[in-house]
């Protein structure tokens, strides 16, 4: 499947929840995940692919936030799905930044492409409505750790939207990598497989999986990699994308190899 979302040269650098940023005092702020400040920092570095998560409020607003509750990351508590937007909008991540609406992120960085993880069943229909209002069909890749949720989203979207592999898709791809006879099991619906190095003690990524995905026309993106040495080994193995919190580190690795395909962005000493 040729998809506009993946039309950039590989390898793709994806800023995980916007990535870590450094404030004006030179302090690394790892706690400002999924905030406009984090995404702006990644964009300033030259990142054109941003990764985020979404939940829906009780009145259907789609919010960029990882956890089902506000408790860990903000100065408020409560389940996002049980709270109206007016309440969630009062929360401040790390006591500082508001929780952004997904629609606002798409509008704030129209040049960026967003990798969006559907974190709840309630987020599926609001995701469709956001895409309808913004027309961002070609700028998003939608995924989920819940296969049924992802399949439902695929059915509901009005137009073709890039999707990554769900867990069942990954198992089928992994099985196909064991033998050419099993290749027919692999799904042709996703445009990419976004996988960890391992799941618990079980290794997921392998050169055979990468080769099999490529034969099927799928890109392979690995998450979440913050060790620059591991980044280099993954690039040598032929992965097509790396998801990272260490946006400065990944950009440095790719730049040294002559493989940075984002915008020029700010110099490293300012990032």
C-alpha atoms as a PDB file:
ATOM      1  CA  UNK A   1       0.000   0.000   0.000  1.00  0.00           C
ATOM      2  CA  UNK A   2       1.405   3.371  -0.989  1.00  0.00           C
ATOM      3  CA  UNK A   3       0.485   5.812   1.734  1.00  0.00           C
ATOM      4  CA  UNK A   4       1.089   9.535   1.995  1.00  0.00           C
ATOM      5  CA  UNK A   5       1.857   9.227   5.693  1.00  0.00           C
ATOM      6  CA  UNK A   6       4.973   7.201   4.915  1.00  0.00           C
ATOM      7  CA  UNK A   7       6.092   9.179   1.882  1.00  0.00           C
ATOM      8  CA  UNK A   8       9.169  10.592   3.658  1.00  0.00           C
ATOM      9  CA  UNK A   9      12.560   8.918   3.179  1.00  0.00           C
ATOM     10  CA  UNK A  10      13.557   6.318   5.749  1.00  0.00           C
ATOM     11  CA  UNK A  11      14.652   6.046   8.449  1.00  0.00           C
ATOM     12  CA  UNK A  12      11.856   7.991  10.134  1.00  0.00           C
ATOM     13  CA  UNK A  13      12.483   9.635  13.494  1.00  0.00           C
ATOM     14  CA  UNK A  14       9.405   9.723  15.735  1.00  0.00           C
ATOM     15  CA  UNK A  15       9.242  11.872  18.873  1.00  0.00           C
ATOM     16  CA  UNK A  16       7.603   9.710  21.550  1.00  0.00           C
ATOM     17  CA  UNK A  17       4.952  11.806  23.329  1.00  0.00           C
ATOM     18  CA  UNK A  18       6.877  14.789  21.991  1.00  0.00           C
ATOM     19  CA  UNK A  19      10.126  13.613  23.585  1.00  0.00           C
ATOM     20  CA  UNK A  20      12.268  15.062  26.357  1.00  0.00           C
ATOM     21  CA  UNK A  21      12.873  18.772  26.245  1.00  0.00           C
ATOM     22  CA  UNK A  22      15.440  21.024  27.872  1.00  0.00           C
ATOM     23  CA  UNK A  23      14.179  24.183  29.533  1.00  0.00           C
ATOM     24  CA  UNK A  24      15.823  27.601  29.597  1.00  0.00           C
ATOM     25  CA  UNK A  25      17.939  26.622  32.620  1.00  0.00           C
ATOM     26  CA  UNK A  26      19.355  23.597  30.821  1.00  0.00           C
ATOM     27  CA  UNK A  27      17.254  21.144  32.857  1.00  0.00           C
ATOM     28  CA  UNK A  28      15.904  18.087  31.031  1.00  0.00           C
ATOM     29  CA  UNK A  29      12.122  17.970  31.497  1.00  0.00           C
ATOM     30  CA  UNK A  30      11.108  14.342  31.112  1.00  0.00           C
ATOM     31  CA  UNK A  31       7.725  14.862  32.755  1.00  0.00           C
ATOM     32  CA  UNK A  32       6.162  17.156  30.153  1.00  0.00           C
ATOM     33  CA  UNK A  33       5.000  14.296  27.944  1.00  0.00           C
ATOM     34  CA  UNK A  34       2.243  14.861  25.400  1.00  0.00           C
ATOM     35  CA  UNK A  35       2.241  18.631  25.879  1.00  0.00           C
ATOM     36  CA  UNK A  36       2.407  21.419  23.353  1.00  0.00           C
ATOM     37  CA  UNK A  37       5.765  22.405  24.840  1.00  0.00           C
ATOM     38  CA  UNK A  38       7.218  18.944  24.186  1.00  0.00           C
ATOM     39  CA  UNK A  39       5.874  18.788  20.646  1.00  0.00           C
ATOM     40  CA  UNK A  40       7.162  22.292  19.909  1.00  0.00           C
ATOM     41  CA  UNK A  41      10.618  21.288  21.132  1.00  0.00           C
ATOM     42  CA  UNK A  42      10.618  18.298  18.774  1.00  0.00           C
ATOM     43  CA  UNK A  43       9.434  20.448  15.862  1.00  0.00           C
ATOM     44  CA  UNK A  44      12.145  22.999  16.652  1.00  0.00           C
ATOM     45  CA  UNK A  45      14.699  20.183  16.400  1.00  0.00           C
ATOM     46  CA  UNK A  46      13.312  19.350  12.963  1.00  0.00           C
ATOM     47  CA  UNK A  47      11.090  16.394  13.775  1.00  0.00           C
ATOM     48  CA  UNK A  48       8.221  15.959  11.337  1.00  0.00           C
ATOM     49  CA  UNK A  49       6.821  12.775  12.944  1.00  0.00           C
ATOM     50  CA  UNK A  50       5.258  13.108  16.392  1.00  0.00           C
ATOM     51  CA  UNK A  51       3.864  10.226  18.454  1.00  0.00           C
ATOM     52  CA  UNK A  52       1.017  10.626  20.922  1.00  0.00           C
ATOM     53  CA  UNK A  53      -1.839   8.845  22.712  1.00  0.00           C
ATOM     54  CA  UNK A  54      -5.517   9.740  22.922  1.00  0.00           C
ATOM     55  CA  UNK A  55      -8.413   9.376  25.341  1.00  0.00           C
ATOM     56  CA  UNK A  56     -11.882  10.878  25.038  1.00  0.00           C
ATOM     57  CA  UNK A  57     -13.577  12.993  27.688  1.00  0.00           C
ATOM     58  CA  UNK A  58     -17.103  12.187  28.816  1.00  0.00           C
ATOM     59  CA  UNK A  59     -18.422  14.731  26.319  1.00  0.00           C
ATOM     60  CA  UNK A  60     -16.391  13.379  23.406  1.00  0.00           C
ATOM     61  CA  UNK A  61     -13.349  15.671  23.175  1.00  0.00           C
ATOM     62  CA  UNK A  62     -10.235  13.802  22.062  1.00  0.00           C
ATOM     63  CA  UNK A  63      -7.281  14.578  24.337  1.00  0.00           C
ATOM     64  CA  UNK A  64      -3.590  13.802  23.816  1.00  0.00           C
ATOM     65  CA  UNK A  65      -2.765  11.926  27.002  1.00  0.00           C
ATOM     66  CA  UNK A  66      -1.301   8.529  27.818  1.00  0.00           C
ATOM     67  CA  UNK A  67      -2.903   7.396  31.074  1.00  0.00           C
ATOM     68  CA  UNK A  68      -6.603   6.706  31.589  1.00  0.00           C
ATOM     69  CA  UNK A  69      -6.490   8.966  34.653  1.00  0.00           C
ATOM     70  CA  UNK A  70      -5.003  12.398  35.308  1.00  0.00           C
ATOM     71  CA  UNK A  71      -3.425  11.295  38.584  1.00  0.00           C
ATOM     72  CA  UNK A  72       0.177  10.480  37.640  1.00  0.00           C
ATOM     73  CA  UNK A  73       1.031  13.225  35.197  1.00  0.00           C
ATOM     74  CA  UNK A  74      -1.065  16.222  36.272  1.00  0.00           C
ATOM     75  CA  UNK A  75      -2.088  18.253  39.300  1.00  0.00           C
ATOM     76  CA  UNK A  76      -5.615  16.801  39.174  1.00  0.00           C
ATOM     77  CA  UNK A  77      -7.123  13.354  39.565  1.00  0.00           C
ATOM     78  CA  UNK A  78      -9.895  11.365  37.953  1.00  0.00           C
ATOM     79  CA  UNK A  79     -10.535   9.266  34.867  1.00  0.00           C
ATOM     80  CA  UNK A  80     -10.537  11.276  31.644  1.00  0.00           C
ATOM     81  CA  UNK A  81     -13.438   9.244  30.308  1.00  0.00           C
ATOM     82  CA  UNK A  82     -15.554  10.233  33.318  1.00  0.00           C
ATOM     83  CA  UNK A  83     -14.779  13.952  33.178  1.00  0.00           C
ATOM     84  CA  UNK A  84     -16.084  16.628  30.794  1.00  0.00           C
ATOM     85  CA  UNK A  85     -13.679  18.640  28.708  1.00  0.00           C
ATOM     86  CA  UNK A  86     -14.078  21.744  30.900  1.00  0.00           C
ATOM     87  CA  UNK A  87     -12.642  19.772  33.841  1.00  0.00           C
ATOM     88  CA  UNK A  88      -9.818  18.061  31.948  1.00  0.00           C
ATOM     89  CA  UNK A  89      -8.800  21.401  30.430  1.00  0.00           C
ATOM     90  CA  UNK A  90      -8.087  22.699  33.947  1.00  0.00           C
ATOM     91  CA  UNK A  91      -5.445  20.016  34.594  1.00  0.00           C
ATOM     92  CA  UNK A  92      -1.780  20.910  34.209  1.00  0.00           C
ATOM     93  CA  UNK A  93       0.855  18.355  33.267  1.00  0.00           C
ATOM     94  CA  UNK A  94       3.661  18.594  35.843  1.00  0.00           C
ATOM     95  CA  UNK A  95       1.719  21.519  37.263  1.00  0.00           C
ATOM     96  CA  UNK A  96       2.606  23.594  34.232  1.00  0.00           C
ATOM     97  CA  UNK A  97       1.186  22.611  30.830  1.00  0.00           C
ATOM     98  CA  UNK A  98      -2.436  21.973  29.820  1.00  0.00           C
ATOM     99  CA  UNK A  99      -3.557  18.673  28.369  1.00  0.00           C
ATOM    100  CA  UNK A 100      -3.896  19.392  24.629  1.00  0.00           C
ATOM    101  CA  UNK A 101      -6.834  18.446  22.461  1.00  0.00           C
ATOM    102  CA  UNK A 102      -5.808  16.300  19.488  1.00  0.00           C
ATOM    103  CA  UNK A 103      -7.558  18.642  17.095  1.00  0.00           C
ATOM    104  CA  UNK A 104      -5.459  21.554  18.378  1.00  0.00           C
ATOM    105  CA  UNK A 105      -2.227  19.612  17.845  1.00  0.00           C
ATOM    106  CA  UNK A 106      -3.139  18.850  14.248  1.00  0.00           C
ATOM    107  CA  UNK A 107      -3.955  22.508  13.678  1.00  0.00           C
ATOM    108  CA  UNK A 108      -0.876  23.867  15.434  1.00  0.00           C
ATOM    109  CA  UNK A 109       1.599  21.881  13.323  1.00  0.00           C
ATOM    110  CA  UNK A 110      -0.020  21.346   9.916  1.00  0.00           C
ATOM    111  CA  UNK A 111       3.312  20.216   8.474  1.00  0.00           C
ATOM    112  CA  UNK A 112       3.699  17.424  11.051  1.00  0.00           C
ATOM    113  CA  UNK A 113       2.523  13.835  10.852  1.00  0.00           C
ATOM    114  CA  UNK A 114       1.100  12.235  13.963  1.00  0.00           C
ATOM    115  CA  UNK A 115       1.324   8.631  15.080  1.00  0.00           C
ATOM    116  CA  UNK A 116      -1.747   8.218  17.303  1.00  0.00           C
ATOM    117  CA  UNK A 117      -2.357   5.392  19.779  1.00  0.00           C
ATOM    118  CA  UNK A 118      -6.041   4.863  20.584  1.00  0.00           C
ATOM    119  CA  UNK A 119      -5.957   4.226  24.324  1.00  0.00           C
ATOM    120  CA  UNK A 120      -9.660   3.580  24.886  1.00  0.00           C
ATOM    121  CA  UNK A 121     -12.712   2.327  23.030  1.00  0.00           C
ATOM    122  CA  UNK A 122     -14.379   5.676  23.679  1.00  0.00           C
ATOM    123  CA  UNK A 123     -11.669   7.415  21.627  1.00  0.00           C
ATOM    124  CA  UNK A 124     -12.533   5.685  18.337  1.00  0.00           C
ATOM    125  CA  UNK A 125     -15.507   7.738  17.189  1.00  0.00           C
ATOM    126  CA  UNK A 126     -14.038  11.081  18.390  1.00  0.00           C
ATOM    127  CA  UNK A 127     -10.932  10.193  16.367  1.00  0.00           C
ATOM    128  CA  UNK A 128     -13.093   9.825  13.281  1.00  0.00           C
ATOM    129  CA  UNK A 129     -14.774  13.167  13.984  1.00  0.00           C
ATOM    130  CA  UNK A 130     -11.422  14.925  14.442  1.00  0.00           C
ATOM    131  CA  UNK A 131     -10.266  13.587  11.083  1.00  0.00           C
ATOM    132  CA  UNK A 132     -13.482  14.749   9.465  1.00  0.00           C
ATOM    133  CA  UNK A 133     -13.108  18.270  10.846  1.00  0.00           C
ATOM    134  CA  UNK A 134      -9.389  18.645  10.166  1.00  0.00           C
ATOM    135  CA  UNK A 135      -9.112  16.677   6.926  1.00  0.00           C
ATOM    136  CA  UNK A 136      -5.873  15.209   8.297  1.00  0.00           C
ATOM    137  CA  UNK A 137      -6.476  11.781   6.760  1.00  0.00           C
ATOM    138  CA  UNK A 138      -3.025  11.635   5.143  1.00  0.00           C
ATOM    139  CA  UNK A 139      -1.154  13.037   8.162  1.00  0.00           C
ATOM    140  CA  UNK A 140      -1.946  10.388  10.737  1.00  0.00           C
ATOM    141  CA  UNK A 141      -1.158   6.774  11.434  1.00  0.00           C
ATOM    142  CA  UNK A 142      -3.538   5.188  13.929  1.00  0.00           C
ATOM    143  CA  UNK A 143      -2.668   2.243  16.122  1.00  0.00           C
ATOM    144  CA  UNK A 144      -3.776   0.451  19.266  1.00  0.00           C
ATOM    145  CA  UNK A 145      -2.647  -2.281  21.620  1.00  0.00           C
ATOM    146  CA  UNK A 146      -6.216  -3.604  21.367  1.00  0.00           C
ATOM    147  CA  UNK A 147      -6.787  -5.417  18.063  1.00  0.00           C
ATOM    148  CA  UNK A 148     -10.597  -5.224  18.237  1.00  0.00           C
ATOM    149  CA  UNK A 149     -10.433  -1.487  18.876  1.00  0.00           C
ATOM    150  CA  UNK A 150      -8.091  -0.954  15.952  1.00  0.00           C
ATOM    151  CA  UNK A 151     -10.200  -3.081  13.616  1.00  0.00           C
ATOM    152  CA  UNK A 152     -13.279  -1.078  14.631  1.00  0.00           C
ATOM    153  CA  UNK A 153     -11.492   2.163  13.837  1.00  0.00           C
ATOM    154  CA  UNK A 154     -10.477   0.835  10.430  1.00  0.00           C
ATOM    155  CA  UNK A 155     -14.121   0.069   9.672  1.00  0.00           C
ATOM    156  CA  UNK A 156     -15.424   3.404  10.920  1.00  0.00           C
ATOM    157  CA  UNK A 157     -13.040   5.783   9.159  1.00  0.00           C
ATOM    158  CA  UNK A 158     -14.681   7.455   6.161  1.00  0.00           C
ATOM    159  CA  UNK A 159     -11.500   7.479   4.090  1.00  0.00           C
ATOM    160  CA  UNK A 160      -8.341   5.348   3.975  1.00  0.00           C
ATOM    161  CA  UNK A 161      -6.123   6.109   6.971  1.00  0.00           C
ATOM    162  CA  UNK A 162      -2.696   4.629   7.634  1.00  0.00           C
ATOM    163  CA  UNK A 163      -2.732   2.144  10.498  1.00  0.00           C
ATOM    164  CA  UNK A 164      -0.005   0.223  12.248  1.00  0.00           C
ATOM    165  CA  UNK A 165      -0.142  -3.411  13.288  1.00  0.00           C
ATOM    166  CA  UNK A 166      -2.317  -4.368  16.217  1.00  0.00           C
ATOM    167  CA  UNK A 167      -1.169  -7.195  18.511  1.00  0.00           C
ATOM    168  CA  UNK A 168      -2.793  -9.924  16.414  1.00  0.00           C
ATOM    169  CA  UNK A 169      -1.280  -8.393  13.264  1.00  0.00           C
ATOM    170  CA  UNK A 170       2.147  -8.507  14.939  1.00  0.00           C
ATOM    171  CA  UNK A 171       1.723 -12.179  15.902  1.00  0.00           C
ATOM    172  CA  UNK A 172       0.778 -13.009  12.321  1.00  0.00           C
ATOM    173  CA  UNK A 173       3.780 -11.094  10.996  1.00  0.00           C
ATOM    174  CA  UNK A 174       6.095 -12.790  13.501  1.00  0.00           C
ATOM    175  CA  UNK A 175       4.696 -16.188  12.470  1.00  0.00           C
ATOM    176  CA  UNK A 176       5.211 -15.323   8.809  1.00  0.00           C
ATOM    177  CA  UNK A 177       8.844 -14.502   9.571  1.00  0.00           C
ATOM    178  CA  UNK A 178       9.405 -18.083  10.726  1.00  0.00           C
ATOM    179  CA  UNK A 179       8.560 -19.646   7.369  1.00  0.00           C
ATOM    180  CA  UNK A 180       7.578 -18.483   3.863  1.00  0.00           C
ATOM    181  CA  UNK A 181       4.751 -21.010   4.076  1.00  0.00           C
ATOM    182  CA  UNK A 182       3.141 -18.873   6.784  1.00  0.00           C
ATOM    183  CA  UNK A 183       3.417 -15.592   4.894  1.00  0.00           C
ATOM    184  CA  UNK A 184      -0.222 -15.738   3.806  1.00  0.00           C
ATOM    185  CA  UNK A 185      -1.184 -15.284   7.468  1.00  0.00           C
ATOM    186  CA  UNK A 186       0.204 -11.764   7.615  1.00  0.00           C
ATOM    187  CA  UNK A 187      -2.240  -8.882   7.299  1.00  0.00           C
ATOM    188  CA  UNK A 188      -1.888  -6.527   4.326  1.00  0.00           C
ATOM    189  CA  UNK A 189      -4.036  -3.840   5.987  1.00  0.00           C
ATOM    190  CA  UNK A 190      -1.377  -2.040   8.104  1.00  0.00           C
ATOM    191  CA  UNK A 191       1.288   0.127   6.478  1.00  0.00           C
ATOM    192  CA  UNK A 192       3.819  -0.469   9.247  1.00  0.00           C
ATOM    193  CA  UNK A 193       4.682  -2.725  12.139  1.00  0.00           C
ATOM    194  CA  UNK A 194       5.510  -0.741  15.268  1.00  0.00           C
ATOM    195  CA  UNK A 195       7.081  -3.136  17.727  1.00  0.00           C
ATOM    196  CA  UNK A 196       9.277  -3.224  20.827  1.00  0.00           C
ATOM    197  CA  UNK A 197      12.591  -5.024  20.895  1.00  0.00           C
ATOM    198  CA  UNK A 198      11.004  -7.576  23.203  1.00  0.00           C
ATOM    199  CA  UNK A 199       7.803  -8.226  25.097  1.00  0.00           C
ATOM    200  CA  UNK A 200       8.857  -9.197  28.593  1.00  0.00           C
ATOM    201  CA  UNK A 201      11.508 -11.890  28.108  1.00  0.00           C
ATOM    202  CA  UNK A 202      10.256 -12.726  24.629  1.00  0.00           C
ATOM    203  CA  UNK A 203      12.189 -11.143  21.725  1.00  0.00           C
ATOM    204  CA  UNK A 204       9.888  -9.570  19.140  1.00  0.00           C
ATOM    205  CA  UNK A 205      12.209  -7.885  16.671  1.00  0.00           C
ATOM    206  CA  UNK A 206      14.505  -9.932  14.449  1.00  0.00           C
ATOM    207  CA  UNK A 207      16.181  -9.531  11.085  1.00  0.00           C
ATOM    208  CA  UNK A 208      13.796 -12.175   9.739  1.00  0.00           C
ATOM    209  CA  UNK A 209      10.815 -10.117  10.898  1.00  0.00           C
ATOM    210  CA  UNK A 210      12.262  -6.997   9.252  1.00  0.00           C
ATOM    211  CA  UNK A 211      12.880  -8.864   5.986  1.00  0.00           C
ATOM    212  CA  UNK A 212       9.397 -10.396   6.036  1.00  0.00           C
ATOM    213  CA  UNK A 213       7.755  -7.042   6.699  1.00  0.00           C
ATOM    214  CA  UNK A 214       9.674  -5.488   3.818  1.00  0.00           C
ATOM    215  CA  UNK A 215       8.622  -8.294   1.476  1.00  0.00           C
ATOM    216  CA  UNK A 216       5.020  -7.549   2.446  1.00  0.00           C
ATOM    217  CA  UNK A 217       5.476  -3.823   1.853  1.00  0.00           C
ATOM    218  CA  UNK A 218       5.428  -2.867   5.537  1.00  0.00           C
ATOM    219  CA  UNK A 219       7.820  -0.531   7.297  1.00  0.00           C
ATOM    220  CA  UNK A 220       9.202  -1.528  10.707  1.00  0.00           C
ATOM    221  CA  UNK A 221       9.353   1.068  13.477  1.00  0.00           C
ATOM    222  CA  UNK A 222      10.816   0.182  16.880  1.00  0.00           C
ATOM    223  CA  UNK A 223       9.734   1.707  20.199  1.00  0.00           C
ATOM    224  CA  UNK A 224      10.756   3.177  22.604  1.00  0.00           C
ATOM    225  CA  UNK A 225      14.533   3.398  22.123  1.00  0.00           C
ATOM    226  CA  UNK A 226      16.571   5.873  24.197  1.00  0.00           C
ATOM    227  CA  UNK A 227      20.008   4.221  24.030  1.00  0.00           C
ATOM    228  CA  UNK A 228      22.012   5.717  21.158  1.00  0.00           C
ATOM    229  CA  UNK A 229      24.096   2.563  20.801  1.00  0.00           C
ATOM    230  CA  UNK A 230      20.946   0.493  20.326  1.00  0.00           C
ATOM    231  CA  UNK A 231      19.689   3.074  17.822  1.00  0.00           C
ATOM    232  CA  UNK A 232      22.788   2.486  15.711  1.00  0.00           C
ATOM    233  CA  UNK A 233      22.412  -1.289  15.800  1.00  0.00           C
ATOM    234  CA  UNK A 234      18.766  -1.040  14.779  1.00  0.00           C
ATOM    235  CA  UNK A 235      19.641   1.159  11.827  1.00  0.00           C
ATOM    236  CA  UNK A 236      22.314  -1.354  10.797  1.00  0.00           C
ATOM    237  CA  UNK A 237      19.659  -4.085  10.973  1.00  0.00           C
ATOM    238  CA  UNK A 238      17.473  -2.196   8.502  1.00  0.00           C
ATOM    239  CA  UNK A 239      14.617  -0.778  10.585  1.00  0.00           C
ATOM    240  CA  UNK A 240      12.639   2.012   8.927  1.00  0.00           C
ATOM    241  CA  UNK A 241      11.866   4.110  11.971  1.00  0.00           C
ATOM    242  CA  UNK A 242      12.770   4.637  15.617  1.00  0.00           C
ATOM    243  CA  UNK A 243      10.455   6.015  18.296  1.00  0.00           C
ATOM    244  CA  UNK A 244      12.346   7.828  21.051  1.00  0.00           C
ATOM    245  CA  UNK A 245      12.084  10.138  24.043  1.00  0.00           C
ATOM    246  CA  UNK A 246      15.690  11.229  23.432  1.00  0.00           C
ATOM    247  CA  UNK A 247      14.952  13.368  20.409  1.00  0.00           C
ATOM    248  CA  UNK A 248      18.347  15.084  20.548  1.00  0.00           C
ATOM    249  CA  UNK A 249      20.175  11.748  20.759  1.00  0.00           C
ATOM    250  CA  UNK A 250      18.358  10.169  17.813  1.00  0.00           C
ATOM    251  CA  UNK A 251      18.840  13.239  15.657  1.00  0.00           C
ATOM    252  CA  UNK A 252      22.561  13.189  16.466  1.00  0.00           C
ATOM    253  CA  UNK A 253      22.855   9.482  15.528  1.00  0.00           C
ATOM    254  CA  UNK A 254      21.054   9.994  12.226  1.00  0.00           C
ATOM    255  CA  UNK A 255      22.945  13.177  11.390  1.00  0.00           C
ATOM    256  CA  UNK A 256      26.326  11.498  11.954  1.00  0.00           C
ATOM    257  CA  UNK A 257      25.273   8.762   9.540  1.00  0.00           C
ATOM    258  CA  UNK A 258      24.019  11.265   6.968  1.00  0.00           C
ATOM    259  CA  UNK A 259      20.486   9.888   7.393  1.00  0.00           C
ATOM    260  CA  UNK A 260      18.621  12.719   9.110  1.00  0.00           C
ATOM    261  CA  UNK A 261      15.534  13.359   6.969  1.00  0.00           C
ATOM    262  CA  UNK A 262      13.731  15.848   9.174  1.00  0.00           C
ATOM    263  CA  UNK A 263      13.971  19.599   8.882  1.00  0.00           C
ATOM    264  CA  UNK A 264      17.260  21.256   9.800  1.00  0.00           C
ATOM    265  CA  UNK A 265      15.909  22.488  13.139  1.00  0.00           C
ATOM    266  CA  UNK A 266      17.989  24.056  15.875  1.00  0.00           C
ATOM    267  CA  UNK A 267      21.667  23.161  16.497  1.00  0.00           C
ATOM    268  CA  UNK A 268      22.280  20.402  19.034  1.00  0.00           C
ATOM    269  CA  UNK A 269      23.715  22.771  21.604  1.00  0.00           C
ATOM    270  CA  UNK A 270      20.379  24.590  21.660  1.00  0.00           C
ATOM    271  CA  UNK A 271      18.266  21.449  21.732  1.00  0.00           C
END
